[in-house]
Amino acid sequence: FDNARFFPFSMEADYDFVGCGSGKGYTVNVPWNKKHMGDAEYLAVFHH
C-alpha cells in the first residue's frame, strides 16, 4: 500500500475500508507500508 503510493494508488486499499452496507466486515485489507515483506509476515497474517 505504501500509504497509497503503490499501484493502484487508492485509499480504498487501506485497512479501514471494510466493505459497504450488509457487506461490512467482509472486505479485509492487509496493507503493507514497506517492501521486503516475506514468509514471516505472511504467515503471521494468515495465522492471526
All heavy atoms as atom14 arrays in JSON, in Angstrom:
{
  "sequence": "FDNARFFPFSMEADYDFVGCGSGKGYTVNVPWNKKHMGDAEYLAVFHH",
  "atom14_mask": [
    [1, 1, 1, 1, 1, 1, 1, 1, 1, 1, 1, 0, 0, 0],
    [1, 1, 1, 1, 1, 1, 1, 1, 0, 0, 0, 0, 0, 0],
    [1, 1, 1, 1, 1, 1, 1, 1, 0, 0, 0, 0, 0, 0],
    [1, 1, 1, 1, 1, 0, 0, 0, 0, 0, 0, 0, 0, 0],
    [1, 1, 1, 1, 1, 1, 1, 1, 1, 1, 1, 0, 0, 0],
    [1, 1, 1, 1, 1, 1, 1, 1, 1, 1, 1, 0, 0, 0],
    [1, 1, 1, 1, 1, 1, 1, 1, 1, 1, 1, 0, 0, 0],
    [1, 1, 1, 1, 1, 1, 1, 0, 0, 0, 0, 0, 0, 0],
    [1, 1, 1, 1, 1, 1, 1, 1, 1, 1, 1, 0, 0, 0],
    [1, 1, 1, 1, 1, 1, 0, 0, 0, 0, 0, 0, 0, 0],
    [1, 1, 1, 1, 1, 1, 1, 1, 0, 0, 0, 0, 0, 0],
    [1, 1, 1, 1, 1, 1, 1, 1, 1, 0, 0, 0, 0, 0],
    [1, 1, 1, 1, 1, 0, 0, 0, 0, 0, 0, 0, 0, 0],
    [1, 1, 1, 1, 1, 1, 1, 1, 0, 0, 0, 0, 0, 0],
    [1, 1, 1, 1, 1, 1, 1, 1, 1, 1, 1, 1, 0, 0],
    [1, 1, 1, 1, 1, 1, 1, 1, 0, 0, 0, 0, 0, 0],
    [1, 1, 1, 1, 1, 1, 1, 1, 1, 1, 1, 0, 0, 0],
    [1, 1, 1, 1, 1, 1, 1, 0, 0, 0, 0, 0, 0, 0],
    [1, 1, 1, 1, 0, 0, 0, 0, 0, 0, 0, 0, 0, 0],
    [1, 1, 1, 1, 1, 1, 0, 0, 0, 0, 0, 0, 0, 0],
    [1, 1, 1, 1, 0, 0, 0, 0, 0, 0, 0, 0, 0, 0],
    [1, 1, 1, 1, 1, 1, 0, 0, 0, 0, 0, 0, 0, 0],
    [1, 1, 1, 1, 0, 0, 0, 0, 0, 0, 0, 0, 0, 0],
    [1, 1, 1, 1, 1, 1, 1, 1, 1, 0, 0, 0, 0, 0],
    [1, 1, 1, 1, 0, 0, 0, 0, 0, 0, 0, 0, 0, 0],
    [1, 1, 1, 1, 1, 1, 1, 1, 1, 1, 1, 1, 0, 0],
    [1, 1, 1, 1, 1, 1, 1, 0, 0, 0, 0, 0, 0, 0],
    [1, 1, 1, 1, 1, 1, 1, 0, 0, 0, 0, 0, 0, 0],
    [1, 1, 1, 1, 1, 1, 1, 1, 0, 0, 0, 0, 0, 0],
    [1, 1, 1, 1, 1, 1, 1, 0, 0, 0, 0, 0, 0, 0],
    [1, 1, 1, 1, 1, 1, 1, 0, 0, 0, 0, 0, 0, 0],
    [1, 1, 1, 1, 1, 1, 1, 1, 1, 1, 1, 1, 1, 1],
    [1, 1, 1, 1, 1, 1, 1, 1, 0, 0, 0, 0, 0, 0],
    [1, 1, 1, 1, 1, 1, 1, 1, 1, 0, 0, 0, 0, 0],
    [1, 1, 1, 1, 1, 1, 1, 1, 1, 0, 0, 0, 0, 0],
    [1, 1, 1, 1, 1, 1, 1, 1, 1, 1, 0, 0, 0, 0],
    [1, 1, 1, 1, 1, 1, 1, 1, 0, 0, 0, 0, 0, 0],
    [1, 1, 1, 1, 0, 0, 0, 0, 0, 0, 0, 0, 0, 0],
    [1, 1, 1, 1, 1, 1, 1, 1, 0, 0, 0, 0, 0, 0],
    [1, 1, 1, 1, 1, 0, 0, 0, 0, 0, 0, 0, 0, 0],
    [1, 1, 1, 1, 1, 1, 1, 1, 1, 0, 0, 0, 0, 0],
    [1, 1, 1, 1, 1, 1, 1, 1, 1, 1, 1, 1, 0, 0],
    [1, 1, 1, 1, 1, 1, 1, 1, 0, 0, 0, 0, 0, 0],
    [1, 1, 1, 1, 1, 0, 0, 0, 0, 0, 0, 0, 0, 0],
    [1, 1, 1, 1, 1, 1, 1, 0, 0, 0, 0, 0, 0, 0],
    [1, 1, 1, 1, 1, 1, 1, 1, 1, 1, 1, 0, 0, 0],
    [1, 1, 1, 1, 1, 1, 1, 1, 1, 1, 0, 0, 0, 0],
    [1, 1, 1, 1, 1, 1, 1, 1, 1, 1, 0, 0, 0, 0]
  ],
  "atom14_positions": [
    [[0.84, -1.2, 0.0], [0.0, 0.0, 0.0], [0.87, 1.25, 0.0], [0.64, 2.18, -0.77], [-0.91, -0.04, 1.23], [-1.81, 1.15, 1.39], [-2.76, 1.46, 0.44], [-1.73, 1.95, 2.52], [-3.61, 2.55, 0.59], [-2.57, 3.05, 2.7], [-3.51, 3.34, 1.73], [0.0, 0.0, 0.0], [0.0, 0.0, 0.0], [0.0, 0.0, 0.0]],
    [[1.9, 1.23, 0.86], [2.84, 2.35, 0.94], [2.11, 3.68, 1.08], [2.42, 4.66, 0.4], [3.76, 2.37, -0.28], [4.67, 1.15, -0.35], [4.45, 0.19, 0.4], [5.6, 1.17, -1.18], [0.0, 0.0, 0.0], [0.0, 0.0, 0.0], [0.0, 0.0, 0.0], [0.0, 0.0, 0.0], [0.0, 0.0, 0.0], [0.0, 0.0, 0.0]],
    [[1.08, 3.67, 1.95], [0.29, 4.89, 2.19], [-0.26, 5.47, 0.89], [-0.17, 6.67, 0.62], [1.12, 5.91, 2.95], [1.54, 5.4, 4.33], [0.69, 5.02, 5.13], [2.84, 5.36, 4.59], [0.0, 0.0, 0.0], [0.0, 0.0, 0.0], [0.0, 0.0, 0.0], [0.0, 0.0, 0.0], [0.0, 0.0, 0.0], [0.0, 0.0, 0.0]],
    [[-0.83, 4.58, 0.08], [-1.49, 4.91, -1.2], [-0.52, 5.37, -2.28], [-0.93, 5.94, -3.28], [-2.59, 5.96, -1.01], [0.0, 0.0, 0.0], [0.0, 0.0, 0.0], [0.0, 0.0, 0.0], [0.0, 0.0, 0.0], [0.0, 0.0, 0.0], [0.0, 0.0, 0.0], [0.0, 0.0, 0.0], [0.0, 0.0, 0.0], [0.0, 0.0, 0.0]],
    [[0.77, 5.04, -2.12], [1.75, 5.39, -3.15], [2.17, 4.16, -3.97], [3.17, 4.23, -4.69], [2.97, 6.06, -2.5], [2.67, 7.43, -1.9], [3.94, 8.17, -1.53], [4.65, 7.5, -0.47], [4.45, 7.73, 0.83], [3.53, 8.61, 1.21], [5.17, 7.09, 1.73], [0.0, 0.0, 0.0], [0.0, 0.0, 0.0], [0.0, 0.0, 0.0]],
    [[1.41, 3.09, -3.87], [1.69, 1.89, -4.64], [0.45, 1.53, -5.46], [-0.68, 1.66, -4.98], [2.06, 0.73, -3.69], [2.76, -0.42, -4.36], [4.12, -0.35, -4.64], [2.06, -1.57, -4.7], [4.77, -1.42, -5.26], [2.7, -2.63, -5.31], [4.06, -2.56, -5.6], [0.0, 0.0, 0.0], [0.0, 0.0, 0.0], [0.0, 0.0, 0.0]],
    [[0.64, 1.11, -6.69], [-0.48, 0.82, -7.6], [-1.48, -0.13, -6.93], [-1.07, -1.09, -6.31], [0.07, 0.17, -8.89], [-0.96, 0.01, -9.97], [-1.19, 1.02, -10.87], [-1.69, -1.17, -10.08], [-2.15, 0.88, -11.87], [-2.64, -1.32, -11.07], [-2.87, -0.29, -11.97], [0.0, 0.0, 0.0], [0.0, 0.0, 0.0], [0.0, 0.0, 0.0]],
    [[-2.78, 0.15, -7.04], [-3.45, 1.16, -7.87], [-3.7, 2.51, -7.21], [-4.6, 3.24, -7.62], [-4.77, 0.48, -8.2], [-5.07, -0.36, -7.01], [-3.74, -0.85, -6.51], [0.0, 0.0, 0.0], [0.0, 0.0, 0.0], [0.0, 0.0, 0.0], [0.0, 0.0, 0.0], [0.0, 0.0, 0.0], [0.0, 0.0, 0.0], [0.0, 0.0, 0.0]],
    [[-2.9, 2.86, -6.19], [-2.89, 4.22, -5.63], [-4.24, 4.64, -5.06], [-4.68, 5.78, -5.26], [-2.43, 5.24, -6.67], [-1.18, 4.85, -7.41], [-1.23, 4.53, -8.76], [0.04, 4.78, -6.75], [-0.08, 4.16, -9.45], [1.19, 4.41, -7.44], [1.14, 4.1, -8.78], [0.0, 0.0, 0.0], [0.0, 0.0, 0.0], [0.0, 0.0, 0.0]],
    [[-4.9, 3.77, -4.35], [-6.24, 4.07, -3.84], [-6.29, 3.92, -2.32], [-5.79, 2.94, -1.76], [-7.27, 3.11, -4.45], [-8.53, 3.25, -3.82], [0.0, 0.0, 0.0], [0.0, 0.0, 0.0], [0.0, 0.0, 0.0], [0.0, 0.0, 0.0], [0.0, 0.0, 0.0], [0.0, 0.0, 0.0], [0.0, 0.0, 0.0], [0.0, 0.0, 0.0]],
    [[-6.92, 4.89, -1.66], [-7.1, 4.8, -0.22], [-8.04, 3.66, 0.15], [-8.06, 3.22, 1.31], [-7.66, 6.12, 0.32], [-6.66, 7.28, 0.29], [-5.13, 6.92, 1.22], [-5.8, 6.72, 2.88], [0.0, 0.0, 0.0], [0.0, 0.0, 0.0], [0.0, 0.0, 0.0], [0.0, 0.0, 0.0], [0.0, 0.0, 0.0], [0.0, 0.0, 0.0]],
    [[-8.81, 3.16, -0.79], [-9.71, 2.05, -0.5], [-8.97, 0.73, -0.34], [-9.58, -0.3, -0.05], [-10.79, 1.94, -1.59], [-11.76, 3.1, -1.56], [-12.9, 2.94, -2.55], [-12.9, 1.96, -3.32], [-13.8, 3.8, -2.54], [0.0, 0.0, 0.0], [0.0, 0.0, 0.0], [0.0, 0.0, 0.0], [0.0, 0.0, 0.0], [0.0, 0.0, 0.0]],
    [[-7.65, 0.76, -0.51], [-6.84, -0.43, -0.24], [-6.35, -0.45, 1.2], [-5.67, -1.41, 1.59], [-5.65, -0.48, -1.21], [0.0, 0.0, 0.0], [0.0, 0.0, 0.0], [0.0, 0.0, 0.0], [0.0, 0.0, 0.0], [0.0, 0.0, 0.0], [0.0, 0.0, 0.0], [0.0, 0.0, 0.0], [0.0, 0.0, 0.0], [0.0, 0.0, 0.0]],
    [[-6.69, 0.56, 1.99], [-6.19, 0.63, 3.35], [-7.03, -0.25, 4.28], [-8.12, -0.71, 3.92], [-6.21, 2.08, 3.83], [-5.15, 2.36, 4.9], [-4.46, 1.4, 5.31], [-5.01, 3.52, 5.31], [0.0, 0.0, 0.0], [0.0, 0.0, 0.0], [0.0, 0.0, 0.0], [0.0, 0.0, 0.0], [0.0, 0.0, 0.0], [0.0, 0.0, 0.0]],
    [[-6.53, -0.44, 5.49], [-7.15, -1.37, 6.44], [-8.53, -0.94, 6.89], [-9.34, -1.77, 7.32], [-6.24, -1.55, 7.66], [-6.11, -0.31, 8.52], [-7.01, -0.03, 9.54], [-5.07, 0.59, 8.31], [-6.89, 1.11, 10.32], [-4.93, 1.72, 9.08], [-5.85, 1.99, 10.08], [-5.73, 3.12, 10.84], [0.0, 0.0, 0.0], [0.0, 0.0, 0.0]],
    [[-8.84, 0.36, 6.8], [-10.12, 0.83, 7.31], [-11.24, 0.77, 6.28], [-12.37, 1.17, 6.59], [-9.99, 2.24, 7.88], [-9.45, 3.25, 6.87], [-9.1, 2.85, 5.74], [-9.36, 4.44, 7.23], [0.0, 0.0, 0.0], [0.0, 0.0, 0.0], [0.0, 0.0, 0.0], [0.0, 0.0, 0.0], [0.0, 0.0, 0.0], [0.0, 0.0, 0.0]],
    [[-10.94, 0.27, 5.08], [-12.04, 0.01, 4.15], [-12.46, -1.43, 4.36], [-11.73, -2.36, 4.01], [-11.65, 0.26, 2.69], [-12.85, 0.25, 1.79], [-13.56, 1.41, 1.53], [-13.32, -0.94, 1.24], [-14.7, 1.39, 0.73], [-14.44, -0.97, 0.44], [-15.13, 0.2, 0.18], [0.0, 0.0, 0.0], [0.0, 0.0, 0.0], [0.0, 0.0, 0.0]],
    [[-13.66, -1.62, 4.9], [-14.1, -2.96, 5.32], [-15.33, -3.45, 4.57], [-15.88, -4.5, 4.9], [-14.38, -2.97, 6.84], [-13.13, -2.62, 7.62], [-15.53, -2.0, 7.18], [0.0, 0.0, 0.0], [0.0, 0.0, 0.0], [0.0, 0.0, 0.0], [0.0, 0.0, 0.0], [0.0, 0.0, 0.0], [0.0, 0.0, 0.0], [0.0, 0.0, 0.0]],
    [[-15.75, -2.7, 3.54], [-16.96, -3.07, 2.81], [-18.07, -2.06, 3.04], [-17.92, -1.1, 3.81], [0.0, 0.0, 0.0], [0.0, 0.0, 0.0], [0.0, 0.0, 0.0], [0.0, 0.0, 0.0], [0.0, 0.0, 0.0], [0.0, 0.0, 0.0], [0.0, 0.0, 0.0], [0.0, 0.0, 0.0], [0.0, 0.0, 0.0], [0.0, 0.0, 0.0]],
    [[-19.21, -2.3, 2.38], [-20.33, -1.36, 2.45], [-21.61, -2.1, 2.81], [-21.8, -3.27, 2.47], [-20.54, -0.68, 1.09], [-19.09, 0.13, 0.42], [0.0, 0.0, 0.0], [0.0, 0.0, 0.0], [0.0, 0.0, 0.0], [0.0, 0.0, 0.0], [0.0, 0.0, 0.0], [0.0, 0.0, 0.0], [0.0, 0.0, 0.0], [0.0, 0.0, 0.0]],
    [[-22.53, -1.39, 3.47], [-23.85, -1.94, 3.74], [-23.78, -3.28, 4.45], [-23.07, -3.46, 5.44], [0.0, 0.0, 0.0], [0.0, 0.0, 0.0], [0.0, 0.0, 0.0], [0.0, 0.0, 0.0], [0.0, 0.0, 0.0], [0.0, 0.0, 0.0], [0.0, 0.0, 0.0], [0.0, 0.0, 0.0], [0.0, 0.0, 0.0], [0.0, 0.0, 0.0]],
    [[-24.51, -4.25, 3.92], [-24.53, -5.59, 4.53], [-23.21, -6.32, 4.35], [-22.98, -7.36, 4.96], [-25.67, -6.42, 3.95], [-25.53, -6.56, 2.54], [0.0, 0.0, 0.0], [0.0, 0.0, 0.0], [0.0, 0.0, 0.0], [0.0, 0.0, 0.0], [0.0, 0.0, 0.0], [0.0, 0.0, 0.0], [0.0, 0.0, 0.0], [0.0, 0.0, 0.0]],
    [[-22.32, -5.76, 3.51], [-21.02, -6.37, 3.29], [-19.94, -5.85, 4.23], [-18.77, -6.24, 4.1], [0.0, 0.0, 0.0], [0.0, 0.0, 0.0], [0.0, 0.0, 0.0], [0.0, 0.0, 0.0], [0.0, 0.0, 0.0], [0.0, 0.0, 0.0], [0.0, 0.0, 0.0], [0.0, 0.0, 0.0], [0.0, 0.0, 0.0], [0.0, 0.0, 0.0]],
    [[-20.3, -5.02, 5.21], [-19.3, -4.51, 6.14], [-18.68, -5.66, 6.92], [-19.37, -6.5, 7.49], [-19.92, -3.49, 7.1], [-20.05, -2.11, 6.52], [-20.43, -1.09, 7.59], [-20.41, 0.32, 7.01], [-20.77, 1.33, 8.03], [0.0, 0.0, 0.0], [0.0, 0.0, 0.0], [0.0, 0.0, 0.0], [0.0, 0.0, 0.0], [0.0, 0.0, 0.0]],
    [[-17.35, -5.66, 6.94], [-16.61, -6.71, 7.62], [-16.18, -7.83, 6.7], [-15.34, -8.66, 7.08], [0.0, 0.0, 0.0], [0.0, 0.0, 0.0], [0.0, 0.0, 0.0], [0.0, 0.0, 0.0], [0.0, 0.0, 0.0], [0.0, 0.0, 0.0], [0.0, 0.0, 0.0], [0.0, 0.0, 0.0], [0.0, 0.0, 0.0], [0.0, 0.0, 0.0]],
    [[-16.71, -7.85, 5.48], [-16.4, -8.94, 4.54], [-15.35, -8.54, 3.51], [-15.05, -9.31, 2.61], [-17.69, -9.42, 3.85], [-18.62, -10.1, 4.84], [-19.56, -9.36, 5.54], [-18.53, -11.46, 5.08], [-20.41, -9.96, 6.47], [-19.37, -12.08, 5.99], [-20.3, -11.33, 6.68], [-21.13, -11.93, 7.6], [0.0, 0.0, 0.0], [0.0, 0.0, 0.0]],
    [[-14.81, -7.35, 3.65], [-13.62, -6.94, 2.91], [-12.51, -6.73, 3.92], [-12.64, -5.89, 4.82], [-13.87, -5.63, 2.13], [-14.84, -5.86, 1.11], [-12.58, -5.13, 1.48], [0.0, 0.0, 0.0], [0.0, 0.0, 0.0], [0.0, 0.0, 0.0], [0.0, 0.0, 0.0], [0.0, 0.0, 0.0], [0.0, 0.0, 0.0], [0.0, 0.0, 0.0]],
    [[-11.45, -7.51, 3.8], [-10.34, -7.43, 4.76], [-9.07, -7.08, 4.0], [-8.54, -7.9, 3.25], [-10.16, -8.76, 5.52], [-9.08, -8.61, 6.59], [-11.48, -9.23, 6.14], [0.0, 0.0, 0.0], [0.0, 0.0, 0.0], [0.0, 0.0, 0.0], [0.0, 0.0, 0.0], [0.0, 0.0, 0.0], [0.0, 0.0, 0.0], [0.0, 0.0, 0.0]],
    [[-8.6, -5.86, 4.19], [-7.38, -5.4, 3.55], [-6.23, -5.4, 4.54], [-6.34, -4.83, 5.63], [-7.56, -3.98, 2.99], [-8.41, -3.96, 1.74], [-8.22, -4.78, 0.85], [-9.35, -3.02, 1.66], [0.0, 0.0, 0.0], [0.0, 0.0, 0.0], [0.0, 0.0, 0.0], [0.0, 0.0, 0.0], [0.0, 0.0, 0.0], [0.0, 0.0, 0.0]],
    [[-5.14, -6.03, 4.14], [-3.91, -6.05, 4.94], [-2.86, -5.28, 4.15], [-2.21, -5.85, 3.26], [-3.45, -7.48, 5.24], [-2.18, -7.48, 6.09], [-4.57, -8.27, 5.93], [0.0, 0.0, 0.0], [0.0, 0.0, 0.0], [0.0, 0.0, 0.0], [0.0, 0.0, 0.0], [0.0, 0.0, 0.0], [0.0, 0.0, 0.0], [0.0, 0.0, 0.0]],
    [[-2.7, -3.99, 4.42], [-1.84, -3.14, 3.59], [-0.42, -3.02, 4.14], [-0.19, -2.47, 5.22], [-2.56, -1.79, 3.64], [-3.2, -1.77, 5.0], [-3.47, -3.2, 5.4], [0.0, 0.0, 0.0], [0.0, 0.0, 0.0], [0.0, 0.0, 0.0], [0.0, 0.0, 0.0], [0.0, 0.0, 0.0], [0.0, 0.0, 0.0], [0.0, 0.0, 0.0]],
    [[0.55, -3.51, 3.39], [1.95, -3.31, 3.79], [2.36, -1.88, 3.46], [2.04, -1.36, 2.39], [2.87, -4.25, 3.03], [2.69, -5.72, 3.2], [2.77, -6.66, 2.22], [2.46, -6.47, 4.41], [2.6, -7.93, 2.73], [2.41, -7.84, 4.07], [2.3, -6.09, 5.76], [2.2, -8.84, 5.04], [2.09, -7.08, 6.7], [2.04, -8.44, 6.34]],
    [[3.14, -1.3, 4.34], [3.65, 0.05, 4.11], [5.16, 0.07, 3.91], [5.79, 1.13, 4.03], [3.23, 0.98, 5.25], [1.76, 1.35, 5.15], [1.29, 1.74, 4.09], [1.04, 1.2, 6.24], [0.0, 0.0, 0.0], [0.0, 0.0, 0.0], [0.0, 0.0, 0.0], [0.0, 0.0, 0.0], [0.0, 0.0, 0.0], [0.0, 0.0, 0.0]],
    [[5.73, -1.07, 3.62], [7.14, -1.16, 3.27], [7.36, -2.39, 2.4], [6.52, -3.27, 2.35], [8.03, -1.23, 4.52], [7.83, -2.49, 5.34], [8.65, -2.46, 6.62], [10.14, -2.56, 6.38], [10.56, -3.9, 5.89], [0.0, 0.0, 0.0], [0.0, 0.0, 0.0], [0.0, 0.0, 0.0], [0.0, 0.0, 0.0], [0.0, 0.0, 0.0]],
    [[8.49, -2.41, 1.7], [8.81, -3.57, 0.88], [9.54, -4.62, 1.71], [9.69, -4.47, 2.92], [9.64, -3.14, -0.33], [10.86, -2.32, -0.03], [11.45, -1.74, -1.32], [12.61, -0.8, -1.04], [13.11, -0.18, -2.28], [0.0, 0.0, 0.0], [0.0, 0.0, 0.0], [0.0, 0.0, 0.0], [0.0, 0.0, 0.0], [0.0, 0.0, 0.0]],
    [[9.95, -5.7, 1.05], [10.71, -6.78, 1.67], [9.91, -7.61, 2.67], [10.49, -8.29, 3.51], [12.0, -6.27, 2.33], [12.89, -5.51, 1.39], [13.24, -5.99, 0.15], [13.47, -4.29, 1.51], [14.01, -5.1, -0.46], [14.16, -4.06, 0.34], [0.0, 0.0, 0.0], [0.0, 0.0, 0.0], [0.0, 0.0, 0.0], [0.0, 0.0, 0.0]],
    [[8.58, -7.58, 2.6], [7.77, -8.46, 3.44], [7.92, -9.89, 2.91], [7.87, -10.13, 1.7], [6.32, -8.02, 3.43], [6.09, -6.64, 4.0], [6.67, -6.48, 5.69], [5.63, -5.17, 6.31], [0.0, 0.0, 0.0], [0.0, 0.0, 0.0], [0.0, 0.0, 0.0], [0.0, 0.0, 0.0], [0.0, 0.0, 0.0], [0.0, 0.0, 0.0]],
    [[8.07, -10.83, 3.82], [8.36, -12.2, 3.4], [7.56, -13.25, 4.13], [6.46, -12.99, 4.64], [0.0, 0.0, 0.0], [0.0, 0.0, 0.0], [0.0, 0.0, 0.0], [0.0, 0.0, 0.0], [0.0, 0.0, 0.0], [0.0, 0.0, 0.0], [0.0, 0.0, 0.0], [0.0, 0.0, 0.0], [0.0, 0.0, 0.0], [0.0, 0.0, 0.0]],
    [[8.12, -14.45, 4.2], [7.41, -15.59, 4.77], [6.91, -15.32, 6.18], [5.78, -15.66, 6.52], [8.33, -16.82, 4.79], [8.71, -17.31, 3.4], [8.08, -16.87, 2.41], [9.64, -18.12, 3.3], [0.0, 0.0, 0.0], [0.0, 0.0, 0.0], [0.0, 0.0, 0.0], [0.0, 0.0, 0.0], [0.0, 0.0, 0.0], [0.0, 0.0, 0.0]],
    [[7.74, -14.72, 7.03], [7.36, -14.49, 8.42], [6.12, -13.6, 8.51], [5.2, -13.87, 9.29], [8.52, -13.86, 9.19], [0.0, 0.0, 0.0], [0.0, 0.0, 0.0], [0.0, 0.0, 0.0], [0.0, 0.0, 0.0], [0.0, 0.0, 0.0], [0.0, 0.0, 0.0], [0.0, 0.0, 0.0], [0.0, 0.0, 0.0], [0.0, 0.0, 0.0]],
    [[6.1, -12.53, 7.72], [4.98, -11.59, 7.77], [3.7, -12.21, 7.22], [2.61, -12.06, 7.8], [5.33, -10.32, 6.99], [6.35, -9.41, 7.67], [7.78, -9.91, 7.57], [8.09, -10.68, 6.62], [8.6, -9.54, 8.44], [0.0, 0.0, 0.0], [0.0, 0.0, 0.0], [0.0, 0.0, 0.0], [0.0, 0.0, 0.0], [0.0, 0.0, 0.0]],
    [[3.8, -12.93, 6.11], [2.61, -13.55, 5.52], [2.06, -14.65, 6.42], [0.84, -14.78, 6.59], [2.93, -14.07, 4.13], [2.9, -13.0, 3.07], [3.92, -12.05, 2.96], [1.83, -12.89, 2.18], [3.88, -11.05, 2.01], [1.78, -11.9, 1.22], [2.81, -10.97, 1.14], [2.76, -9.97, 0.19], [0.0, 0.0, 0.0], [0.0, 0.0, 0.0]],
    [[2.93, -15.44, 7.02], [2.46, -16.48, 7.93], [1.8, -15.87, 9.17], [0.78, -16.39, 9.66], [3.62, -17.38, 8.34], [4.03, -18.42, 7.29], [5.37, -19.03, 7.67], [2.97, -19.51, 7.16], [0.0, 0.0, 0.0], [0.0, 0.0, 0.0], [0.0, 0.0, 0.0], [0.0, 0.0, 0.0], [0.0, 0.0, 0.0], [0.0, 0.0, 0.0]],
    [[2.36, -14.78, 9.67], [1.75, -14.12, 10.83], [0.33, -13.66, 10.51], [-0.6, -13.86, 11.31], [2.61, -12.93, 11.27], [0.0, 0.0, 0.0], [0.0, 0.0, 0.0], [0.0, 0.0, 0.0], [0.0, 0.0, 0.0], [0.0, 0.0, 0.0], [0.0, 0.0, 0.0], [0.0, 0.0, 0.0], [0.0, 0.0, 0.0], [0.0, 0.0, 0.0]],
    [[0.15, -13.06, 9.34], [-1.18, -12.59, 8.94], [-2.13, -13.76, 8.76], [-3.3, -13.71, 9.18], [-1.07, -11.76, 7.65], [-2.45, -11.52, 7.04], [-0.39, -10.42, 7.94], [0.0, 0.0, 0.0], [0.0, 0.0, 0.0], [0.0, 0.0, 0.0], [0.0, 0.0, 0.0], [0.0, 0.0, 0.0], [0.0, 0.0, 0.0], [0.0, 0.0, 0.0]],
    [[-1.67, -14.83, 8.13], [-2.53, -15.99, 7.95], [-2.97, -16.56, 9.3], [-4.16, -16.84, 9.52], [-1.81, -17.07, 7.13], [-2.11, -17.03, 5.67], [-1.93, -15.86, 4.93], [-2.54, -18.16, 4.98], [-2.2, -15.81, 3.57], [-2.82, -18.12, 3.63], [-2.65, -16.96, 2.92], [0.0, 0.0, 0.0], [0.0, 0.0, 0.0], [0.0, 0.0, 0.0]],
    [[-2.02, -16.75, 10.2], [-2.35, -17.39, 11.47], [-3.21, -16.53, 12.38], [-4.08, -17.05, 13.08], [-1.06, -17.75, 12.22], [-0.42, -19.02, 11.74], [-0.99, -20.26, 11.93], [0.73, -19.24, 11.05], [-0.21, -21.2, 11.4], [0.83, -20.61, 10.86], [0.0, 0.0, 0.0], [0.0, 0.0, 0.0], [0.0, 0.0, 0.0], [0.0, 0.0, 0.0]],
    [[-3.01, -15.22, 12.37], [-3.64, -14.37, 13.36], [-4.82, -13.56, 12.84], [-5.58, -13.02, 13.66], [-2.6, -13.44, 13.99], [-1.55, -14.18, 14.75], [-1.79, -14.81, 15.95], [-0.25, -14.43, 14.46], [-0.68, -15.4, 16.37], [0.26, -15.19, 15.48], [0.0, 0.0, 0.0], [0.0, 0.0, 0.0], [0.0, 0.0, 0.0], [0.0, 0.0, 0.0]]
  ]
}
